[in-house]
């Protein structure tokens, strides 16, 4: 597949269905589901994203730890 091939977005809509719009060229999502997003640009925005990621990974690690402990490892 080439770089400029546009795929179907596939994001989950509020109805629970998948989005059928074409994705932005070179991305996996359409313009309505984050395909045009450039990410955080300000130091505050970058810090907020970093904090959210750390919190998310902490929750994930706790879940994995609990799962492993319940298996008897």
N, C-alpha and C. Protein backbone atom coordinates (compact mmCIF):
# COMPACT_ATOMS: atom_id res chain seq x y z
N UNK A 1 0.84 -1.18 0.00
CA UNK A 1 0.00 0.00 0.00
C UNK A 1 0.88 1.24 0.00
N UNK A 2 0.52 2.22 -0.78
CA UNK A 2 1.28 3.46 -0.85
C UNK A 2 0.96 4.40 0.29
N UNK A 3 1.77 5.44 0.40
CA UNK A 3 1.59 6.43 1.46
C UNK A 3 0.30 7.22 1.32
N UNK A 4 -0.10 7.50 0.09
CA UNK A 4 -1.25 8.37 -0.14
C UNK A 4 -2.58 7.62 -0.24
N UNK A 5 -2.60 6.37 0.15
CA UNK A 5 -3.83 5.59 0.13
C UNK A 5 -4.67 6.00 1.32
N UNK A 6 -5.93 6.31 1.06
CA UNK A 6 -6.84 6.73 2.14
C UNK A 6 -7.66 5.54 2.58
N UNK A 7 -7.66 5.30 3.87
CA UNK A 7 -8.42 4.20 4.43
C UNK A 7 -9.68 4.73 5.09
N UNK A 8 -10.55 3.85 5.49
CA UNK A 8 -11.77 4.24 6.21
C UNK A 8 -11.38 4.53 7.66
N UNK A 9 -11.97 5.55 8.24
CA UNK A 9 -11.64 6.00 9.59
C UNK A 9 -11.81 4.87 10.60
N UNK A 10 -13.00 4.35 10.75
CA UNK A 10 -13.22 3.23 11.65
C UNK A 10 -13.38 3.58 13.12
N UNK A 11 -13.39 4.88 13.47
CA UNK A 11 -13.58 5.26 14.87
C UNK A 11 -14.99 4.90 15.30
N UNK A 12 -15.17 4.66 16.58
CA UNK A 12 -16.48 4.31 17.11
C UNK A 12 -17.31 5.58 17.27
N UNK A 13 -18.51 5.60 16.70
CA UNK A 13 -19.38 6.77 16.78
C UNK A 13 -20.26 6.68 18.02
N UNK A 14 -21.02 7.74 18.27
CA UNK A 14 -21.92 7.75 19.43
C UNK A 14 -23.00 6.69 19.32
N UNK A 15 -23.33 6.30 18.11
CA UNK A 15 -24.32 5.24 17.91
C UNK A 15 -23.72 3.86 18.14
N UNK A 16 -22.41 3.79 18.30
CA UNK A 16 -21.74 2.51 18.51
C UNK A 16 -21.28 1.87 17.21
N UNK A 17 -21.53 2.56 16.10
CA UNK A 17 -21.11 2.04 14.81
C UNK A 17 -19.72 2.58 14.49
N UNK A 18 -19.16 2.14 13.37
CA UNK A 18 -17.85 2.66 12.97
C UNK A 18 -18.03 3.78 11.96
N UNK A 19 -17.14 4.76 12.05
CA UNK A 19 -17.16 5.90 11.13
C UNK A 19 -16.76 5.41 9.74
N UNK A 20 -17.49 5.84 8.76
CA UNK A 20 -17.24 5.40 7.39
C UNK A 20 -16.57 6.46 6.53
N UNK A 21 -16.15 7.58 7.15
CA UNK A 21 -15.49 8.65 6.41
C UNK A 21 -14.06 8.23 6.06
N UNK A 22 -13.53 8.84 5.02
CA UNK A 22 -12.15 8.57 4.65
C UNK A 22 -11.20 9.23 5.62
N UNK A 23 -10.12 8.54 5.95
CA UNK A 23 -9.11 9.09 6.85
C UNK A 23 -8.32 10.17 6.14
N UNK A 24 -7.73 11.06 6.93
CA UNK A 24 -6.85 12.10 6.39
C UNK A 24 -5.65 11.38 5.78
N UNK A 25 -5.14 11.88 4.66
CA UNK A 25 -4.02 11.26 3.98
C UNK A 25 -2.84 11.11 4.94
N UNK A 26 -2.32 9.90 5.04
CA UNK A 26 -1.18 9.62 5.90
C UNK A 26 -1.55 9.38 7.36
N UNK A 27 -2.84 9.40 7.67
CA UNK A 27 -3.30 9.19 9.05
C UNK A 27 -4.25 8.00 9.08
N UNK A 28 -4.71 7.66 10.29
CA UNK A 28 -5.63 6.53 10.44
C UNK A 28 -7.04 6.98 10.77
N UNK A 29 -7.25 8.28 11.02
CA UNK A 29 -8.56 8.79 11.40
C UNK A 29 -8.97 9.95 10.50
N UNK A 30 -10.29 10.18 10.41
CA UNK A 30 -10.82 11.29 9.62
C UNK A 30 -10.64 12.60 10.38
N UNK A 31 -10.99 13.70 9.74
CA UNK A 31 -10.80 15.01 10.36
C UNK A 31 -11.68 15.20 11.59
N UNK A 32 -12.76 14.45 11.68
CA UNK A 32 -13.67 14.59 12.81
C UNK A 32 -13.23 13.77 14.03
N UNK A 33 -12.36 12.80 13.81
CA UNK A 33 -11.94 11.91 14.89
C UNK A 33 -10.45 12.01 15.18
N UNK A 34 -9.87 13.19 14.97
CA UNK A 34 -8.49 13.42 15.38
C UNK A 34 -7.44 13.33 14.29
N UNK A 35 -7.84 13.13 13.06
CA UNK A 35 -6.87 13.03 11.97
C UNK A 35 -6.11 14.31 11.72
N UNK A 36 -6.70 15.46 12.06
CA UNK A 36 -6.04 16.74 11.84
C UNK A 36 -5.32 17.24 13.09
N UNK A 37 -5.39 16.46 14.16
CA UNK A 37 -4.77 16.87 15.42
C UNK A 37 -3.25 16.93 15.28
N UNK A 38 -2.67 17.97 15.82
CA UNK A 38 -1.20 18.11 15.81
C UNK A 38 -0.63 17.81 17.18
N UNK A 39 -1.48 17.52 18.14
CA UNK A 39 -1.02 17.23 19.48
C UNK A 39 -0.82 18.51 20.27
N UNK A 40 -0.40 18.37 21.52
CA UNK A 40 -0.20 19.55 22.35
C UNK A 40 1.00 20.36 21.86
N UNK A 41 0.89 21.69 21.92
CA UNK A 41 1.98 22.55 21.45
C UNK A 41 2.56 23.41 22.56
N UNK A 42 1.77 23.76 23.56
CA UNK A 42 2.26 24.60 24.64
C UNK A 42 2.91 23.73 25.72
N UNK A 43 3.81 24.30 26.50
CA UNK A 43 4.41 23.53 27.59
C UNK A 43 3.35 23.01 28.57
N UNK A 44 2.30 23.81 28.81
CA UNK A 44 1.23 23.36 29.71
C UNK A 44 0.49 22.17 29.13
N UNK A 45 0.22 22.23 27.84
CA UNK A 45 -0.47 21.12 27.17
C UNK A 45 0.35 19.86 27.17
N UNK A 46 1.65 20.00 26.92
CA UNK A 46 2.54 18.84 26.93
C UNK A 46 2.63 18.24 28.33
N UNK A 47 2.66 19.10 29.35
CA UNK A 47 2.71 18.61 30.73
C UNK A 47 1.43 17.88 31.09
N UNK A 48 0.29 18.39 30.64
CA UNK A 48 -0.99 17.75 30.93
C UNK A 48 -1.05 16.37 30.29
N UNK A 49 -0.57 16.24 29.07
CA UNK A 49 -0.57 14.95 28.38
C UNK A 49 0.36 13.98 29.09
N UNK A 50 1.53 14.46 29.49
CA UNK A 50 2.49 13.60 30.19
C UNK A 50 1.89 13.09 31.49
N UNK A 51 1.22 13.96 32.23
CA UNK A 51 0.59 13.56 33.49
C UNK A 51 -0.49 12.51 33.24
N UNK A 52 -1.32 12.74 32.22
CA UNK A 52 -2.41 11.80 31.91
C UNK A 52 -1.85 10.44 31.51
N UNK A 53 -0.77 10.43 30.74
CA UNK A 53 -0.15 9.17 30.33
C UNK A 53 0.42 8.42 31.53
N UNK A 54 1.08 9.14 32.43
CA UNK A 54 1.63 8.49 33.62
C UNK A 54 0.51 7.88 34.46
N UNK A 55 -0.58 8.62 34.62
CA UNK A 55 -1.71 8.12 35.40
C UNK A 55 -2.32 6.88 34.73
N UNK A 56 -2.43 6.93 33.42
CA UNK A 56 -3.02 5.81 32.69
C UNK A 56 -2.15 4.56 32.82
N UNK A 57 -0.84 4.72 32.67
CA UNK A 57 0.06 3.58 32.80
C UNK A 57 0.07 3.03 34.21
N UNK A 58 -0.07 3.89 35.20
CA UNK A 58 -0.11 3.43 36.58
C UNK A 58 -1.33 2.53 36.81
N UNK A 59 -2.47 2.94 36.30
CA UNK A 59 -3.70 2.13 36.42
C UNK A 59 -3.50 0.79 35.72
N UNK A 60 -2.90 0.83 34.53
CA UNK A 60 -2.66 -0.40 33.77
C UNK A 60 -1.76 -1.35 34.55
N UNK A 61 -0.65 -0.82 35.09
CA UNK A 61 0.28 -1.66 35.84
C UNK A 61 -0.38 -2.27 37.08
N UNK A 62 -1.24 -1.50 37.73
CA UNK A 62 -1.95 -2.04 38.90
C UNK A 62 -2.89 -3.18 38.51
N UNK A 63 -3.57 -3.02 37.37
CA UNK A 63 -4.47 -4.08 36.90
C UNK A 63 -3.69 -5.35 36.58
N UNK A 64 -2.56 -5.19 35.89
CA UNK A 64 -1.74 -6.34 35.53
C UNK A 64 -1.21 -7.01 36.79
N UNK A 65 -0.78 -6.21 37.74
CA UNK A 65 -0.25 -6.75 38.99
C UNK A 65 -1.32 -7.55 39.73
N UNK A 66 -2.52 -7.01 39.80
CA UNK A 66 -3.61 -7.72 40.47
C UNK A 66 -3.94 -9.02 39.75
N UNK A 67 -3.92 -8.98 38.42
CA UNK A 67 -4.22 -10.17 37.62
C UNK A 67 -3.17 -11.25 37.88
N UNK A 68 -1.88 -10.86 37.91
CA UNK A 68 -0.82 -11.82 38.14
C UNK A 68 -0.89 -12.38 39.55
N UNK A 69 -1.23 -11.53 40.53
CA UNK A 69 -1.33 -11.99 41.91
C UNK A 69 -2.49 -12.96 42.09
N UNK A 70 -3.55 -12.76 41.35
CA UNK A 70 -4.71 -13.66 41.47
C UNK A 70 -4.45 -15.01 40.82
N UNK A 71 -3.49 -15.06 39.89
CA UNK A 71 -3.15 -16.34 39.23
C UNK A 71 -2.19 -17.16 40.09
N UNK A 72 -1.63 -16.55 41.11
CA UNK A 72 -0.73 -17.29 41.99
C UNK A 72 0.72 -17.21 41.57
N UNK A 73 1.10 -16.21 40.81
CA UNK A 73 2.50 -16.06 40.39
C UNK A 73 3.37 -15.59 41.50
